[in-house]
N, C-alpha and C. Protein backbone atom coordinates (compact mmCIF):
# COMPACT_ATOMS: atom_id res chain seq x y z
N MET A 1 0.81 -1.21 0.00
CA MET A 1 -0.01 0.01 0.01
C MET A 1 0.88 1.20 0.02
N TYR A 2 0.53 2.21 -0.80
CA TYR A 2 1.27 3.42 -0.91
C TYR A 2 0.56 4.58 -0.18
N ILE A 3 1.27 5.38 0.51
CA ILE A 3 0.76 6.50 1.26
C ILE A 3 1.35 7.74 0.57
N LEU A 4 0.49 8.62 0.16
CA LEU A 4 0.96 9.81 -0.56
C LEU A 4 0.72 11.03 0.30
N HIS A 5 1.57 12.00 0.24
CA HIS A 5 1.43 13.24 0.97
C HIS A 5 0.25 13.95 0.25
N LYS A 6 -0.65 14.55 1.03
CA LYS A 6 -1.83 15.18 0.43
C LYS A 6 -1.43 16.24 -0.59
N THR A 7 -0.54 17.10 -0.28
CA THR A 7 -0.12 18.19 -1.20
C THR A 7 0.46 17.62 -2.49
N LYS A 8 1.37 16.68 -2.34
CA LYS A 8 1.94 16.10 -3.50
C LYS A 8 0.86 15.35 -4.37
N ALA A 9 -0.04 14.63 -3.75
CA ALA A 9 -1.03 13.95 -4.49
C ALA A 9 -1.93 14.92 -5.23
N SER A 10 -2.33 16.06 -4.62
CA SER A 10 -3.11 17.03 -5.32
C SER A 10 -2.47 17.53 -6.58
N VAL A 11 -1.13 17.82 -6.48
CA VAL A 11 -0.40 18.34 -7.61
C VAL A 11 -0.44 17.27 -8.73
N GLU A 12 -0.16 16.02 -8.37
CA GLU A 12 -0.15 14.99 -9.38
C GLU A 12 -1.52 14.83 -10.03
N ILE A 13 -2.55 14.88 -9.26
CA ILE A 13 -3.94 14.74 -9.77
C ILE A 13 -4.24 15.89 -10.73
N GLU A 14 -3.85 17.10 -10.34
CA GLU A 14 -4.09 18.26 -11.15
C GLU A 14 -3.29 18.15 -12.47
N ALA A 15 -2.10 17.67 -12.39
CA ALA A 15 -1.27 17.49 -13.62
C ALA A 15 -1.93 16.42 -14.49
N LEU A 16 -2.42 15.35 -13.96
CA LEU A 16 -3.08 14.32 -14.78
C LEU A 16 -4.35 14.86 -15.36
N GLN A 17 -5.09 15.67 -14.63
CA GLN A 17 -6.25 16.27 -15.26
C GLN A 17 -5.95 17.16 -16.42
N ASN A 18 -4.85 17.92 -16.26
CA ASN A 18 -4.44 18.81 -17.38
C ASN A 18 -3.96 17.98 -18.59
N ILE A 19 -3.21 16.88 -18.35
CA ILE A 19 -2.80 16.04 -19.42
C ILE A 19 -3.93 15.45 -20.14
N SER A 20 -5.00 15.06 -19.41
CA SER A 20 -6.16 14.46 -20.04
C SER A 20 -6.97 15.37 -20.99
N LYS A 21 -6.71 16.67 -20.88
CA LYS A 21 -7.39 17.63 -21.70
C LYS A 21 -6.65 17.87 -23.06
N VAL A 22 -5.44 17.38 -23.20
CA VAL A 22 -4.64 17.51 -24.40
C VAL A 22 -5.19 16.59 -25.37
N ASP A 23 -5.69 17.08 -26.55
CA ASP A 23 -6.26 16.16 -27.52
C ASP A 23 -5.47 16.05 -28.84
N THR A 24 -4.22 16.52 -28.82
CA THR A 24 -3.35 16.49 -30.07
C THR A 24 -2.29 15.38 -29.94
N LEU A 25 -2.28 14.68 -28.83
CA LEU A 25 -1.18 13.70 -28.75
C LEU A 25 -1.64 12.33 -29.30
N LYS A 26 -0.72 11.56 -29.75
CA LYS A 26 -1.01 10.19 -30.25
C LYS A 26 -0.72 9.19 -29.13
N SER A 27 -1.14 8.01 -29.39
CA SER A 27 -0.94 6.93 -28.31
C SER A 27 0.55 6.75 -28.02
N LYS A 28 1.38 6.84 -29.07
CA LYS A 28 2.84 6.69 -28.86
C LYS A 28 3.39 7.76 -27.92
N ASP A 29 2.80 8.96 -28.11
CA ASP A 29 3.26 10.12 -27.28
C ASP A 29 2.97 9.81 -25.83
N TYR A 30 1.75 9.29 -25.53
CA TYR A 30 1.38 8.96 -24.13
C TYR A 30 2.27 7.87 -23.65
N ARG A 31 2.59 6.90 -24.43
CA ARG A 31 3.51 5.81 -23.99
C ARG A 31 4.88 6.41 -23.56
N VAL A 32 5.43 7.32 -24.36
CA VAL A 32 6.68 7.94 -24.05
C VAL A 32 6.54 8.78 -22.80
N LEU A 33 5.44 9.53 -22.68
CA LEU A 33 5.25 10.40 -21.54
C LEU A 33 5.15 9.52 -20.24
N PHE A 34 4.41 8.43 -20.27
CA PHE A 34 4.27 7.56 -19.09
C PHE A 34 5.61 6.86 -18.77
N HIS A 35 6.36 6.55 -19.75
CA HIS A 35 7.71 5.99 -19.53
C HIS A 35 8.59 7.06 -18.76
N LEU A 36 8.54 8.24 -19.32
CA LEU A 36 9.33 9.33 -18.71
C LEU A 36 8.91 9.64 -17.31
N MET A 37 7.65 9.46 -16.95
CA MET A 37 7.20 9.75 -15.58
C MET A 37 7.97 8.94 -14.56
N GLY A 38 8.52 7.81 -14.95
CA GLY A 38 9.28 7.06 -13.97
C GLY A 38 10.78 7.49 -13.89
N HIS A 39 11.17 8.50 -14.73
CA HIS A 39 12.57 8.89 -14.77
C HIS A 39 12.86 10.39 -14.62
N LEU A 40 11.87 11.22 -14.93
CA LEU A 40 12.07 12.65 -14.86
C LEU A 40 11.21 13.31 -13.72
N ASP A 41 11.60 14.54 -13.44
CA ASP A 41 10.71 15.31 -12.54
C ASP A 41 10.65 16.78 -13.06
N GLY A 42 9.98 17.58 -12.34
CA GLY A 42 9.86 19.05 -12.79
C GLY A 42 10.84 19.97 -12.35
N ARG A 43 11.84 19.49 -11.56
CA ARG A 43 12.80 20.42 -10.98
C ARG A 43 14.13 20.43 -11.66
N VAL A 44 14.71 19.25 -11.93
CA VAL A 44 16.01 19.14 -12.43
C VAL A 44 16.00 18.43 -13.76
N PRO A 45 16.53 19.08 -14.83
CA PRO A 45 16.64 18.46 -16.11
C PRO A 45 17.50 17.26 -16.12
N LYS A 46 17.17 16.19 -16.80
CA LYS A 46 17.93 14.98 -16.94
C LYS A 46 18.10 14.61 -18.37
N GLU A 47 19.26 14.04 -18.67
CA GLU A 47 19.48 13.51 -20.03
C GLU A 47 18.68 12.24 -20.17
N ILE A 48 18.17 12.05 -21.40
CA ILE A 48 17.47 10.78 -21.68
C ILE A 48 18.16 10.13 -22.84
N ASN A 49 18.04 8.83 -22.94
CA ASN A 49 18.59 8.03 -24.04
C ASN A 49 17.44 7.53 -24.93
N VAL A 50 17.28 8.20 -26.12
CA VAL A 50 16.20 7.84 -26.95
C VAL A 50 16.18 6.39 -27.40
N LYS A 51 17.40 5.81 -27.59
CA LYS A 51 17.53 4.46 -28.02
C LYS A 51 16.97 3.54 -26.89
N LYS A 52 17.31 3.81 -25.67
CA LYS A 52 16.90 3.00 -24.50
C LYS A 52 15.36 3.02 -24.39
N ILE A 53 14.78 4.27 -24.56
CA ILE A 53 13.35 4.36 -24.51
C ILE A 53 12.69 3.68 -25.62
N ALA A 54 13.24 3.79 -26.85
CA ALA A 54 12.70 3.06 -28.04
C ALA A 54 12.72 1.55 -27.79
N ASN A 55 13.82 1.06 -27.26
CA ASN A 55 13.93 -0.38 -27.02
C ASN A 55 12.94 -0.83 -25.89
N ALA A 56 12.83 -0.05 -24.86
CA ALA A 56 11.89 -0.40 -23.72
C ALA A 56 10.47 -0.41 -24.22
N LEU A 57 10.09 0.51 -25.11
CA LEU A 57 8.70 0.62 -25.53
C LEU A 57 8.42 -0.11 -26.90
N GLU A 58 9.56 -0.79 -27.36
CA GLU A 58 9.46 -1.39 -28.73
C GLU A 58 8.90 -0.44 -29.82
N LEU A 59 9.52 0.77 -29.81
CA LEU A 59 9.23 1.80 -30.81
C LEU A 59 10.47 2.07 -31.64
N ASP A 60 10.21 2.78 -32.78
CA ASP A 60 11.33 3.24 -33.54
C ASP A 60 11.91 4.49 -32.89
N LYS A 61 13.20 4.70 -32.98
CA LYS A 61 13.88 5.85 -32.43
C LYS A 61 13.23 7.17 -32.98
N GLU A 62 12.92 7.16 -34.26
CA GLU A 62 12.38 8.37 -34.82
C GLU A 62 10.88 8.66 -34.26
N ASP A 63 10.21 7.65 -33.91
CA ASP A 63 8.91 7.83 -33.25
C ASP A 63 9.08 8.48 -31.88
N VAL A 64 10.06 8.02 -31.15
CA VAL A 64 10.41 8.57 -29.81
C VAL A 64 10.75 10.04 -29.94
N LYS A 65 11.60 10.32 -30.90
CA LYS A 65 12.05 11.76 -31.14
C LYS A 65 10.82 12.60 -31.47
N LYS A 66 9.93 12.12 -32.34
CA LYS A 66 8.77 12.90 -32.69
C LYS A 66 7.86 13.12 -31.51
N SER A 67 7.75 12.07 -30.74
CA SER A 67 6.89 12.19 -29.44
C SER A 67 7.48 13.25 -28.51
N LEU A 68 8.78 13.31 -28.35
CA LEU A 68 9.41 14.30 -27.52
C LEU A 68 9.12 15.70 -28.02
N VAL A 69 9.20 15.86 -29.29
CA VAL A 69 8.83 17.17 -29.92
C VAL A 69 7.41 17.52 -29.71
N ARG A 70 6.49 16.63 -29.85
CA ARG A 70 5.08 16.88 -29.61
C ARG A 70 4.77 17.15 -28.08
N LEU A 71 5.49 16.44 -27.22
CA LEU A 71 5.34 16.71 -25.78
C LEU A 71 5.87 18.10 -25.37
N ILE A 72 6.95 18.51 -26.03
CA ILE A 72 7.44 19.90 -25.81
C ILE A 72 6.40 20.84 -26.42
N GLY A 73 5.87 20.56 -27.60
CA GLY A 73 4.92 21.47 -28.23
C GLY A 73 3.68 21.72 -27.46
N VAL A 74 3.21 20.74 -26.66
CA VAL A 74 2.02 20.91 -25.82
C VAL A 74 2.39 21.34 -24.37
N GLU A 75 3.65 21.62 -24.25
CA GLU A 75 4.26 22.16 -22.98
C GLU A 75 4.08 21.22 -21.82
N LEU A 76 4.17 19.90 -22.05
CA LEU A 76 4.26 18.97 -20.98
C LEU A 76 5.70 18.66 -20.66
N LEU A 77 6.64 18.84 -21.60
CA LEU A 77 8.05 18.68 -21.32
C LEU A 77 8.74 20.00 -21.72
N VAL A 78 9.79 20.18 -21.06
CA VAL A 78 10.69 21.30 -21.32
C VAL A 78 12.13 20.77 -21.57
N MET A 79 12.79 21.28 -22.59
CA MET A 79 14.19 20.94 -22.82
C MET A 79 15.05 22.08 -22.25
N GLU A 80 16.00 21.69 -21.40
CA GLU A 80 16.79 22.68 -20.68
C GLU A 80 18.26 22.16 -20.56
N SER A 81 19.18 23.07 -20.61
CA SER A 81 20.54 22.77 -20.31
C SER A 81 21.03 23.42 -19.05
N THR A 82 21.90 22.80 -18.30
CA THR A 82 22.50 23.27 -17.16
C THR A 82 23.97 23.15 -17.24
N ASP A 83 24.70 23.55 -16.20
CA ASP A 83 26.16 23.32 -16.14
C ASP A 83 26.49 21.82 -16.17
N HIS A 84 25.57 20.99 -15.73
CA HIS A 84 25.89 19.55 -15.63
C HIS A 84 25.15 18.69 -16.68
N VAL A 85 24.10 19.26 -17.29
CA VAL A 85 23.33 18.46 -18.25
C VAL A 85 23.12 19.32 -19.48
N LYS A 86 23.58 18.77 -20.66
CA LYS A 86 23.32 19.41 -21.92
C LYS A 86 22.10 18.81 -22.57
N ASP A 87 21.16 19.55 -22.99
CA ASP A 87 19.87 19.12 -23.62
C ASP A 87 19.11 18.08 -22.75
N GLY A 88 18.86 18.52 -21.48
CA GLY A 88 18.16 17.70 -20.59
C GLY A 88 16.66 17.95 -20.70
N TYR A 89 15.88 17.10 -20.19
CA TYR A 89 14.41 17.23 -20.21
C TYR A 89 13.85 17.22 -18.76
N LYS A 90 12.72 17.99 -18.53
CA LYS A 90 12.07 17.97 -17.28
C LYS A 90 10.61 18.26 -17.57
N PHE A 91 9.76 17.81 -16.64
CA PHE A 91 8.32 18.01 -16.80
C PHE A 91 7.99 19.50 -16.59
N ASN A 92 6.92 19.95 -17.15
CA ASN A 92 6.39 21.25 -17.05
C ASN A 92 5.11 21.29 -16.30
N PHE A 93 4.94 20.37 -15.36
CA PHE A 93 3.70 20.33 -14.56
C PHE A 93 3.99 19.88 -13.09
């Protein structure tokens, strides 16, 4: 059984409600998004490996790249560089 902090849970629920309103994403985009939810957060950008994501989801690398572009386009993801990470990704929710 999982116990969630009330504040954190409400933020996650609100984020999910906002995601559910996006009607321009494809099923592959949602698969990539859900995969990234286990690896990224909204505070610190992290590098991702497109090939590993493609292998894990049994998708083509180009499909993963297109999904990342669409997720950035609907402002669910942000691409950001820091002193430690070049071209990292983080959530925008």
